[in-house]
Amino acid sequence: MEEAQQRRRRWPLIVGALVVVVVVAIAGAIGWWFSAGAEYWARSRWQPPKEALLSSMQVHPVPGWKADIGALGLPPGSKITTDDTPWRPGPIIKTPDDRALFLARSPGPAAPQWWLTGVDVRDGHPLFRPVALNASAAAPACFLNGAAVTCISEDQTAATAWVIDGQSGELTYSGPTNVGVITNKLKAAQFGNYLVAATKGDGLYGVGPHGETTWFVPGAGVVADHIGDVGFQGGSREGVVTMFSLRDGRELTTEFPEGADMQSSGDFDGGFAAEFSEHQGPSFIQFFDTVGRLTNKTRIDGQRVGGTTGNVTAVVQSDGFGIYGPSGDKLLDIPGDAPHGMQLIGTTLWVGEKSLIDESHFQPYDLRTGDKGKPCPFNMINGYLGTDGSVFVRSSWNQKSDDLAQAYDLATCDKVWAIPRIVGSSGEVTRIGDTLIQLSNDGTELMSLVAPS
């Protein structure tokens, strides 16, 4: 009897001890979740977007196919150029596939003759015979417009348009247009894969098959961001933001917060992040899919600084910044100043920072583990062309730079090769599809850049 009573007296102590253990475990789990567990869970579910890799860039690439002005069907003396007017698109006009279009000039008896031509970057064969664009001495500017290419030349009196089938090279229209390239009204602008005519303070117009204005979206008249064939108009101090189809101007119904002004947006794989503020109050971030529907109703306090890359974006807060995935889940918390640009390569996020001597360097973070890697003293944002997974390639648009392009080892930070620039040359390195393309220094030859065999 006495032994049974002792057991009964011990039960409350045992139960109490178990309760304490459970409470401590729950408290520990909650603390872990709020300190790092939620981010760990988000990282375990996050998947990087598919990335089109370059061929091996670990050694200096060599020319693959070559196409000179003769092979392109251009007359002797021709040069691929925009005639020293760098504000015009080109001379290499990028497309969303493996076609590269080029603007070229040949000498004429009174004024230069302009041409549009192109190659398939997979093998370098010409897409079509060069199309003559001759109306005046003014250099034309060429724009993608869906399946067509529209080139416009404008002088002080009138503008002329040429509309060319982007696949066959057939000239489908040549004549006057009310869209210009030097005017302040109905000014031609590339918006995604489409040509629009912008009038500031009025709105954006579509451009049709005869170079004429078609659909109209009223608004700020300023080209902003785009996601595929969906465009943004307005933002920050430019009025209400609208999203619309670049194909036909149809405005989309979005789930933007009522009474809030969009300050900025950044598109990433699968959607975009936008920064809003209400009545000049503090900013907050929300995440949307590609047509403006919320993917997460949570409002994240902070500012969208440092850009977006892959499918992640940075949100700057009082004590640092967070890295968020496409649904608004925080993947990583980083102390310090706002990032100076970011670049996602595989599962590694490279974050731009400023060193004590005010030189850019990039700090890598593993988005699977959250671990920091070895920082590298290079710039991955300006002119980034791509990577083979272990080396990345960048070009320089600065005509005074020493190199046309450079490649760096992501593990060692070493420069592994460079293509030198000749002062005053027309040389350029860019990427079309999965292929690196180089324009020769004299502007007379195109070539692909590939790994040595």
Protein backbone atom coordinates (compact mmCIF):
# COMPACT_ATOMS: atom_id res chain seq x y z
CA MET A 1 0.00 0.00 0.00
CA GLU A 2 2.76 2.43 0.96
CA GLU A 3 4.64 1.63 -2.28
CA ALA A 4 1.53 2.39 -4.36
CA GLN A 5 1.12 5.73 -2.58
CA GLN A 6 4.76 6.62 -3.34
CA ARG A 7 4.19 5.84 -7.04
CA ARG A 8 1.11 8.05 -7.05
CA ARG A 9 3.11 10.88 -5.51
CA ARG A 10 5.82 10.53 -8.19
CA TRP A 11 3.38 10.75 -11.13
CA PRO A 12 2.78 14.52 -10.84
CA LEU A 13 6.54 15.07 -10.76
CA ILE A 14 7.06 12.94 -13.86
CA VAL A 15 4.20 14.60 -15.74
CA GLY A 16 5.47 18.04 -14.72
CA ALA A 17 8.95 17.20 -15.94
CA LEU A 18 7.54 15.98 -19.26
CA VAL A 19 5.50 19.16 -19.65
CA VAL A 20 8.61 21.24 -19.02
CA VAL A 21 10.55 19.24 -21.63
CA VAL A 22 7.75 19.61 -24.20
CA VAL A 23 7.41 23.34 -23.52
CA VAL A 24 11.16 23.84 -23.84
CA ALA A 25 11.21 21.82 -27.07
CA ILE A 26 8.32 23.82 -28.53
CA ALA A 27 9.92 27.09 -27.47
CA GLY A 28 13.18 25.98 -29.03
CA ALA A 29 11.44 24.97 -32.24
CA ILE A 30 9.62 28.30 -32.41
CA GLY A 31 12.87 30.16 -31.76
CA TRP A 32 14.64 28.12 -34.43
CA TRP A 33 11.82 28.78 -36.91
CA PHE A 34 11.86 32.52 -36.41
CA SER A 35 15.67 32.79 -36.30
CA ALA A 36 16.57 30.60 -39.29
CA GLY A 37 14.14 27.71 -39.69
CA ALA A 38 11.66 29.50 -41.97
CA GLU A 39 14.47 30.51 -44.32
CA TYR A 40 15.94 27.00 -44.24
CA TRP A 41 12.51 25.57 -45.12
CA ALA A 42 12.04 28.13 -47.92
CA ARG A 43 15.47 27.34 -49.37
CA SER A 44 14.74 23.61 -49.32
CA ARG A 45 11.65 24.21 -51.48
CA TRP A 46 13.15 26.85 -53.79
CA GLN A 47 14.27 25.79 -57.25
CA PRO A 48 16.50 27.91 -59.50
CA PRO A 49 15.12 28.66 -62.97
CA LYS A 50 16.45 26.79 -65.96
CA GLU A 51 19.57 28.45 -67.28
CA ALA A 52 20.84 28.30 -70.86
CA LEU A 53 24.56 27.66 -70.53
CA LEU A 54 27.26 28.72 -72.95
CA SER A 55 29.63 26.15 -74.40
CA SER A 56 32.86 25.72 -72.43
CA MET A 57 34.57 29.08 -71.88
CA GLN A 58 37.46 27.84 -69.72
CA VAL A 59 40.01 28.62 -72.40
CA HIS A 60 40.14 31.47 -74.92
CA PRO A 61 37.42 30.80 -77.51
CA VAL A 62 38.19 30.62 -81.21
CA PRO A 63 36.07 31.58 -84.23
CA GLY A 64 33.53 28.99 -85.26
CA TRP A 65 31.58 29.98 -88.37
CA LYS A 66 32.45 33.25 -90.12
CA ALA A 67 30.32 35.48 -92.33
CA ASP A 68 31.91 38.48 -94.04
CA ILE A 69 30.14 41.18 -96.05
CA GLY A 70 30.59 39.16 -99.25
CA ALA A 71 28.95 36.06 -97.75
CA LEU A 72 26.09 38.26 -96.49
CA GLY A 73 25.49 39.60 -100.02
CA LEU A 74 26.55 43.15 -99.19
CA PRO A 75 28.42 45.25 -101.78
CA PRO A 76 32.16 45.91 -101.46
CA GLY A 77 33.06 48.60 -98.95
CA SER A 78 30.10 47.79 -96.69
CA LYS A 79 30.38 47.96 -92.93
CA ILE A 80 28.07 46.73 -90.17
CA THR A 81 27.45 49.93 -88.25
CA THR A 82 24.98 52.54 -87.02
CA ASP A 83 27.15 55.31 -88.46
CA ASP A 84 28.49 56.49 -85.11
CA THR A 85 25.01 57.09 -83.67
CA PRO A 86 25.07 54.80 -80.62
CA TRP A 87 21.66 55.99 -79.44
CA ARG A 88 20.06 54.03 -82.28
CA PRO A 89 19.33 50.32 -81.79
CA GLY A 90 21.95 48.11 -83.36
CA PRO A 91 23.94 47.48 -85.37
CA ILE A 92 23.26 43.98 -83.98
CA ILE A 93 19.53 43.59 -83.42
CA LYS A 94 18.76 40.77 -80.99
CA THR A 95 15.80 38.44 -81.44
CA PRO A 96 14.22 35.97 -78.97
CA ASP A 97 15.51 33.01 -81.00
CA ASP A 98 18.62 32.12 -83.02
CA ARG A 99 18.29 34.90 -85.59
CA ALA A 100 20.62 37.88 -85.52
CA LEU A 101 19.75 40.91 -87.65
CA PHE A 102 22.27 43.56 -88.70
CA LEU A 103 22.23 47.10 -89.99
CA ALA A 104 24.94 47.83 -92.56
CA ARG A 105 26.08 50.79 -94.63
CA SER A 106 27.78 50.93 -98.01
CA PRO A 107 29.20 53.99 -99.77
CA GLY A 108 26.99 55.69 -102.34
CA PRO A 109 27.56 58.37 -104.97
CA ALA A 110 25.83 61.07 -102.91
CA ALA A 111 24.62 59.51 -99.67
CA PRO A 112 25.33 56.17 -97.99
CA GLN A 113 23.17 53.16 -98.81
CA TRP A 114 21.73 51.33 -95.79
CA TRP A 115 20.88 47.63 -95.59
CA LEU A 116 19.18 45.15 -93.28
CA THR A 117 20.51 41.60 -93.29
CA GLY A 118 20.88 38.71 -90.85
CA VAL A 119 22.29 35.29 -90.05
CA ASP A 120 21.25 32.13 -88.26
CA VAL A 121 23.71 32.08 -85.35
CA ARG A 122 23.69 28.28 -85.17
CA ASP A 123 25.70 27.95 -88.41
CA GLY A 124 26.21 31.50 -89.76
CA HIS A 125 24.20 31.10 -92.97
CA PRO A 126 22.44 34.27 -94.20
CA LEU A 127 18.72 34.53 -93.42
CA PHE A 128 17.87 36.47 -96.59
CA ARG A 129 19.31 38.78 -99.21
CA PRO A 130 20.10 42.26 -97.87
CA VAL A 131 17.12 44.61 -97.92
CA ALA A 132 17.86 48.14 -99.19
CA LEU A 133 16.78 51.00 -96.90
CA ASN A 134 17.41 54.18 -98.85
CA ALA A 135 15.50 57.41 -98.39
CA SER A 136 17.97 59.95 -97.05
CA ALA A 137 21.42 60.25 -95.56
CA ALA A 138 19.89 59.78 -92.08
CA ALA A 139 20.77 56.39 -90.61
CA PRO A 140 17.68 54.21 -90.05
CA ALA A 141 16.86 52.59 -86.73
CA CYS A 142 15.47 49.04 -86.85
CA PHE A 143 13.09 47.47 -84.32
CA LEU A 144 11.54 44.06 -83.79
CA ASN A 145 7.76 44.18 -84.10
CA GLY A 146 6.46 40.68 -83.51
CA ALA A 147 7.31 38.60 -86.58
CA ALA A 148 8.32 41.69 -88.54
CA VAL A 149 11.19 44.18 -88.45
CA THR A 150 10.33 47.86 -88.82
CA CYS A 151 13.09 50.27 -89.81
CA ILE A 152 12.54 54.04 -89.62
CA SER A 153 14.61 56.88 -91.01
CA GLU A 154 13.76 60.47 -90.11
CA ASP A 155 15.19 63.80 -91.10
CA GLN A 156 13.90 67.28 -90.26
CA THR A 157 11.01 67.07 -92.72
CA ALA A 158 9.59 63.54 -92.79
CA ALA A 159 9.97 59.92 -91.68
CA THR A 160 10.06 56.79 -93.82
CA ALA A 161 9.34 53.24 -92.70
CA TRP A 162 10.31 49.87 -94.12
CA VAL A 163 8.53 46.78 -92.85
CA ILE A 164 10.32 43.48 -93.47
CA ASP A 165 9.29 39.90 -92.74
CA GLY A 166 11.82 38.80 -90.11
CA GLN A 167 12.02 35.23 -91.48
CA SER A 168 11.96 35.60 -95.26
CA GLY A 169 13.31 39.14 -95.65
CA GLU A 170 10.35 40.12 -97.85
CA LEU A 171 9.79 43.88 -97.92
CA THR A 172 6.07 44.24 -97.21
CA TYR A 173 5.86 48.03 -96.93
CA SER A 174 7.96 51.05 -97.79
CA GLY A 175 6.60 54.56 -97.38
CA PRO A 176 5.77 57.43 -95.04
CA THR A 177 5.08 56.94 -91.35
CA ASN A 178 3.86 59.15 -88.52
CA VAL A 179 6.31 57.40 -86.13
CA GLY A 180 9.74 59.00 -85.76
CA VAL A 181 13.10 58.40 -84.13
CA ILE A 182 14.19 61.96 -83.35
CA THR A 183 10.80 63.49 -82.59
CA ASN A 184 9.37 63.92 -79.08
CA LYS A 185 5.93 62.77 -80.17
CA LEU A 186 5.19 59.26 -81.41
CA LYS A 187 8.81 58.36 -80.83
CA ALA A 188 9.77 54.81 -81.74
CA ALA A 189 10.87 52.61 -78.83
CA GLN A 190 11.63 48.91 -78.52
CA PHE A 191 9.38 47.37 -75.88
CA GLY A 192 10.10 43.68 -75.43
CA ASN A 193 9.72 42.13 -78.88
CA TYR A 194 7.44 44.90 -80.14
CA LEU A 195 7.73 48.43 -81.47
CA VAL A 196 5.69 51.14 -79.76
CA ALA A 197 5.34 54.87 -80.38
CA ALA A 198 5.58 56.91 -77.18
CA THR A 199 4.32 60.41 -76.48
CA LYS A 200 5.24 61.52 -72.97
CA GLY A 201 2.22 62.51 -70.91
CA ASP A 202 -0.15 61.00 -73.46
CA GLY A 203 0.44 57.26 -73.74
CA LEU A 204 1.81 54.43 -75.86
CA TYR A 205 0.68 53.38 -79.33
CA GLY A 206 1.14 50.16 -81.20
CA VAL A 207 2.71 50.24 -84.67
CA GLY A 208 1.06 48.39 -87.54
CA PRO A 209 2.15 46.70 -90.78
CA HIS A 210 2.42 50.02 -92.67
CA GLY A 211 4.33 51.87 -89.95
CA GLU A 212 1.08 53.43 -88.75
CA THR A 213 -0.08 53.84 -85.14
CA THR A 214 -2.74 51.32 -84.08
CA TRP A 215 -3.89 50.53 -80.51
CA PHE A 216 -3.50 53.11 -77.76
CA VAL A 217 -2.91 52.79 -74.01
CA PRO A 218 -3.30 56.15 -72.25
CA GLY A 219 -0.85 56.97 -69.49
CA ALA A 220 2.61 58.35 -68.83
CA GLY A 221 3.85 57.60 -72.33
CA VAL A 222 7.06 56.15 -70.89
CA VAL A 223 8.40 52.66 -71.65
CA ALA A 224 8.93 50.79 -68.37
CA ASP A 225 9.48 47.09 -67.58
CA HIS A 226 8.05 44.16 -69.48
CA ILE A 227 7.55 40.44 -68.85
CA GLY A 228 7.47 38.58 -72.13
CA ASP A 229 4.69 40.14 -74.19
CA VAL A 230 3.20 42.07 -71.24
CA GLY A 231 4.32 45.66 -70.71
CA PHE A 232 4.20 48.16 -67.83
CA GLN A 233 3.44 51.83 -68.35
CA GLY A 234 3.91 54.44 -65.62
CA GLY A 235 5.41 54.11 -62.15
CA SER A 236 7.05 56.21 -59.46
CA ARG A 237 6.26 59.84 -60.32
CA GLU A 238 4.85 58.98 -63.73
CA GLY A 239 1.29 58.21 -62.64
CA VAL A 240 -0.77 55.06 -62.25
CA VAL A 241 0.85 51.86 -63.50
CA THR A 242 -0.99 49.84 -66.11
CA MET A 243 -0.14 46.39 -67.46
CA PHE A 244 -1.13 45.61 -71.03
CA SER A 245 -0.56 43.20 -73.89
CA LEU A 246 2.17 44.34 -76.24
CA ARG A 247 0.45 42.39 -79.03
CA ASP A 248 -2.81 44.34 -79.09
CA GLY A 249 -2.79 46.94 -76.28
CA ARG A 250 -5.38 45.10 -74.19
CA GLU A 251 -5.12 46.30 -70.57
CA LEU A 252 -4.91 43.61 -67.88
CA THR A 253 -6.89 43.53 -64.65
CA THR A 254 -4.32 43.35 -61.86
CA GLU A 255 -4.42 42.80 -58.10
CA PHE A 256 -2.34 45.86 -57.23
CA PRO A 257 -3.20 47.30 -53.78
CA GLU A 258 -5.84 50.00 -53.91
CA GLY A 259 -4.76 53.51 -52.99
CA ALA A 260 -1.04 52.69 -53.36
CA ASP A 261 1.41 53.99 -55.93
CA MET A 262 3.90 51.62 -57.56
CA GLN A 263 7.43 52.97 -57.17
CA SER A 264 9.30 50.32 -59.13
CA SER A 265 9.08 46.74 -60.30
CA GLY A 266 11.51 44.02 -61.25
CA ASP A 267 10.63 41.00 -63.37
CA PHE A 268 12.05 37.56 -62.69
CA ASP A 269 11.39 34.06 -63.90
CA GLY A 270 7.67 33.48 -63.39
CA GLY A 271 6.54 36.94 -62.30
CA PHE A 272 7.68 40.18 -60.74
CA ALA A 273 8.17 42.01 -57.45
CA ALA A 274 6.78 45.53 -57.08
CA GLU A 275 7.37 48.27 -54.54
CA PHE A 276 4.39 50.35 -53.40
CA SER A 277 3.73 53.20 -50.99
CA GLU A 278 0.51 54.67 -49.61
CA HIS A 279 0.13 58.44 -49.16
CA GLN A 280 3.93 58.89 -49.15
CA GLY A 281 4.16 56.42 -46.29
CA PRO A 282 6.72 53.63 -45.86
CA SER A 283 7.30 51.33 -48.82
CA PHE A 284 6.26 47.70 -49.02
CA ILE A 285 6.84 44.89 -51.51
CA GLN A 286 4.35 42.43 -53.00
CA PHE A 287 4.87 39.55 -55.42
CA PHE A 288 2.83 38.82 -58.56
CA ASP A 289 2.65 36.34 -61.42
CA THR A 290 3.20 37.37 -65.05
CA VAL A 291 -0.29 38.89 -65.45
CA GLY A 292 -0.46 40.83 -62.17
CA ARG A 293 -2.13 38.34 -59.83
CA LEU A 294 -0.82 38.14 -56.27
CA THR A 295 1.25 35.07 -55.45
CA ASN A 296 1.42 36.01 -51.76
CA LYS A 297 -0.91 38.45 -49.97
CA THR A 298 1.74 39.33 -47.38
CA ARG A 299 3.13 42.85 -47.55
CA ILE A 300 6.88 42.93 -46.91
CA ASP A 301 8.14 46.19 -45.43
CA GLY A 302 11.17 47.61 -47.20
CA GLN A 303 12.47 48.86 -50.53
CA ARG A 304 13.30 46.99 -53.72
CA VAL A 305 16.97 47.89 -54.17
CA GLY A 306 19.68 45.94 -55.95
CA GLY A 307 17.52 44.52 -58.68
CA THR A 308 16.27 41.03 -59.40
CA THR A 309 17.98 38.05 -60.99
CA GLY A 310 16.83 34.58 -61.94
CA ASN A 311 13.74 34.21 -59.74
CA VAL A 312 14.95 36.08 -56.63
CA THR A 313 14.84 39.72 -55.57
CA ALA A 314 16.39 41.83 -52.80
CA VAL A 315 14.32 43.79 -50.28
CA VAL A 316 16.26 46.34 -48.22
CA GLN A 317 15.19 46.89 -44.62
CA SER A 318 16.59 48.83 -41.66
CA ASP A 319 19.36 46.40 -40.65
CA GLY A 320 20.24 44.76 -43.95
CA PHE A 321 18.36 43.11 -46.76
CA GLY A 322 16.52 39.90 -47.44
CA ILE A 323 16.62 37.68 -50.52
CA TYR A 324 13.13 36.55 -51.49
CA GLY A 325 11.90 33.86 -53.85
CA PRO A 326 9.16 34.26 -56.49
CA SER A 327 6.31 33.72 -54.03
CA GLY A 328 7.61 36.16 -51.43
CA ASP A 329 9.31 33.60 -49.17
CA LYS A 330 12.52 34.84 -47.56
CA LEU A 331 15.47 32.65 -48.53
CA LEU A 332 18.31 34.53 -46.90
CA ASP A 333 18.92 37.42 -44.50
CA ILE A 334 22.08 39.46 -45.16
CA PRO A 335 23.36 42.24 -42.89
CA GLY A 336 24.97 45.37 -44.30
CA ASP A 337 24.33 47.91 -47.02
CA ALA A 338 22.02 47.50 -49.99
CA PRO A 339 23.40 45.29 -52.78
CA HIS A 340 25.02 46.86 -55.84
CA GLY A 341 23.39 44.42 -58.24
CA MET A 342 23.00 40.63 -58.12
CA GLN A 343 23.53 37.68 -60.44
CA LEU A 344 22.14 34.17 -59.93
CA ILE A 345 24.22 31.32 -61.40
CA GLY A 346 22.79 27.91 -60.65
CA THR A 347 22.09 27.89 -56.91
CA THR A 348 24.74 30.52 -56.14
CA LEU A 349 23.70 34.13 -55.71
CA TRP A 350 26.44 36.68 -56.38
CA VAL A 351 25.77 39.94 -54.53
CA GLY A 352 27.56 43.16 -55.51
CA GLU A 353 29.21 45.04 -52.66
CA LYS A 354 31.51 48.04 -52.33
CA SER A 355 34.89 47.49 -50.71
CA LEU A 356 36.70 49.97 -48.46
CA ILE A 357 38.64 51.26 -51.46
CA ASP A 358 35.37 51.79 -53.37
CA GLU A 359 35.90 49.00 -55.87
CA SER A 360 33.12 46.64 -56.78
CA HIS A 361 33.35 43.04 -55.68
CA PHE A 362 30.82 40.24 -55.62
CA GLN A 363 30.09 37.99 -52.67
CA PRO A 364 28.66 34.53 -53.41
CA TYR A 365 25.96 32.89 -51.26
CA ASP A 366 24.83 29.29 -51.57
CA LEU A 367 21.02 29.48 -51.68
CA ARG A 368 20.75 25.85 -50.61
CA THR A 369 22.75 26.24 -47.38
CA GLY A 370 22.94 30.02 -46.89
CA ASP A 371 26.75 29.81 -46.64
CA LYS A 372 29.05 32.60 -47.87
CA GLY A 373 31.79 31.82 -50.35
CA LYS A 374 34.93 33.58 -51.49
CA PRO A 375 34.32 37.16 -52.72
CA CYS A 376 35.73 38.16 -56.10
CA PRO A 377 36.90 41.63 -57.25
CA PHE A 378 34.94 41.72 -60.50
CA ASN A 379 31.68 43.20 -61.80
CA MET A 380 29.04 40.70 -62.87
CA ILE A 381 26.30 43.16 -63.77
CA ASN A 382 27.54 45.46 -66.50
CA GLY A 383 27.70 43.53 -69.75
CA TYR A 384 27.02 40.06 -68.28
CA LEU A 385 26.68 37.63 -71.23
CA GLY A 386 26.39 34.25 -69.54
CA THR A 387 28.25 31.32 -68.07
CA ASP A 388 29.23 27.74 -68.79
CA GLY A 389 28.71 26.96 -65.09
CA SER A 390 32.28 27.52 -63.96
CA VAL A 391 33.35 30.61 -65.95
CA PHE A 392 31.31 33.72 -66.70
CA VAL A 393 31.73 36.09 -69.64
CA ARG A 394 31.08 39.80 -69.74
CA SER A 395 31.40 42.42 -72.46
CA SER A 396 32.17 46.11 -72.19
CA TRP A 397 30.16 48.79 -73.96
CA ASN A 398 32.66 51.43 -72.89
CA GLN A 399 34.49 52.43 -76.06
CA LYS A 400 37.51 53.43 -73.94
CA SER A 401 37.83 50.06 -72.17
CA ASP A 402 40.83 47.83 -72.85
CA ASP A 403 38.80 44.72 -73.75
CA LEU A 404 35.79 43.80 -75.86
CA ALA A 405 35.08 40.87 -73.55
CA GLN A 406 36.49 39.12 -70.49
CA ALA A 407 36.00 35.75 -68.80
CA TYR A 408 36.50 34.99 -65.09
CA ASP A 409 36.77 31.75 -63.13
CA LEU A 410 33.98 31.63 -60.52
CA ALA A 411 36.01 29.47 -58.14
CA THR A 412 39.35 31.31 -58.19
CA CYS A 413 38.23 34.82 -59.26
CA ASP A 414 41.01 34.82 -61.90
CA LYS A 415 40.61 36.36 -65.33
CA VAL A 416 41.04 33.39 -67.66
CA TRP A 417 40.99 35.24 -70.99
CA ALA A 418 40.18 38.56 -72.64
CA ILE A 419 39.57 39.84 -76.17
CA PRO A 420 41.48 43.14 -76.51
CA ARG A 421 39.88 46.23 -77.99
CA ILE A 422 41.57 48.28 -80.70
CA VAL A 423 41.06 51.99 -80.11
CA GLY A 424 38.44 53.40 -82.45
CA SER A 425 37.34 49.98 -83.69
CA SER A 426 33.79 48.81 -84.44
CA GLY A 427 34.39 45.56 -82.55
CA GLU A 428 31.65 44.17 -80.34
CA VAL A 429 30.87 40.91 -78.52
CA THR A 430 27.29 40.00 -77.71
CA ARG A 431 25.07 36.96 -77.22
CA ILE A 432 22.23 35.74 -79.44
CA GLY A 433 20.42 32.64 -78.16
CA ASP A 434 23.12 30.38 -76.72
CA THR A 435 25.85 31.69 -79.02
CA LEU A 436 28.50 34.38 -78.48
CA ILE A 437 28.90 36.61 -81.55
CA GLN A 438 31.83 38.89 -82.35
CA LEU A 439 31.81 41.76 -84.83
CA SER A 440 35.29 42.32 -86.22
CA ASN A 441 37.22 45.48 -85.46
CA ASP A 442 36.67 46.85 -88.96
CA GLY A 443 32.94 45.97 -88.94
CA THR A 444 33.17 43.74 -92.02
CA GLU A 445 32.90 40.23 -90.54
CA LEU A 446 30.79 38.34 -88.02
CA MET A 447 31.89 35.18 -86.27
CA SER A 448 30.75 32.84 -83.53
CA LEU A 449 33.01 32.23 -80.52
CA VAL A 450 33.37 28.60 -79.51
CA ALA A 451 35.65 26.40 -77.40
CA PRO A 452 38.73 25.09 -79.25
CA SER A 453 38.22 21.60 -80.60
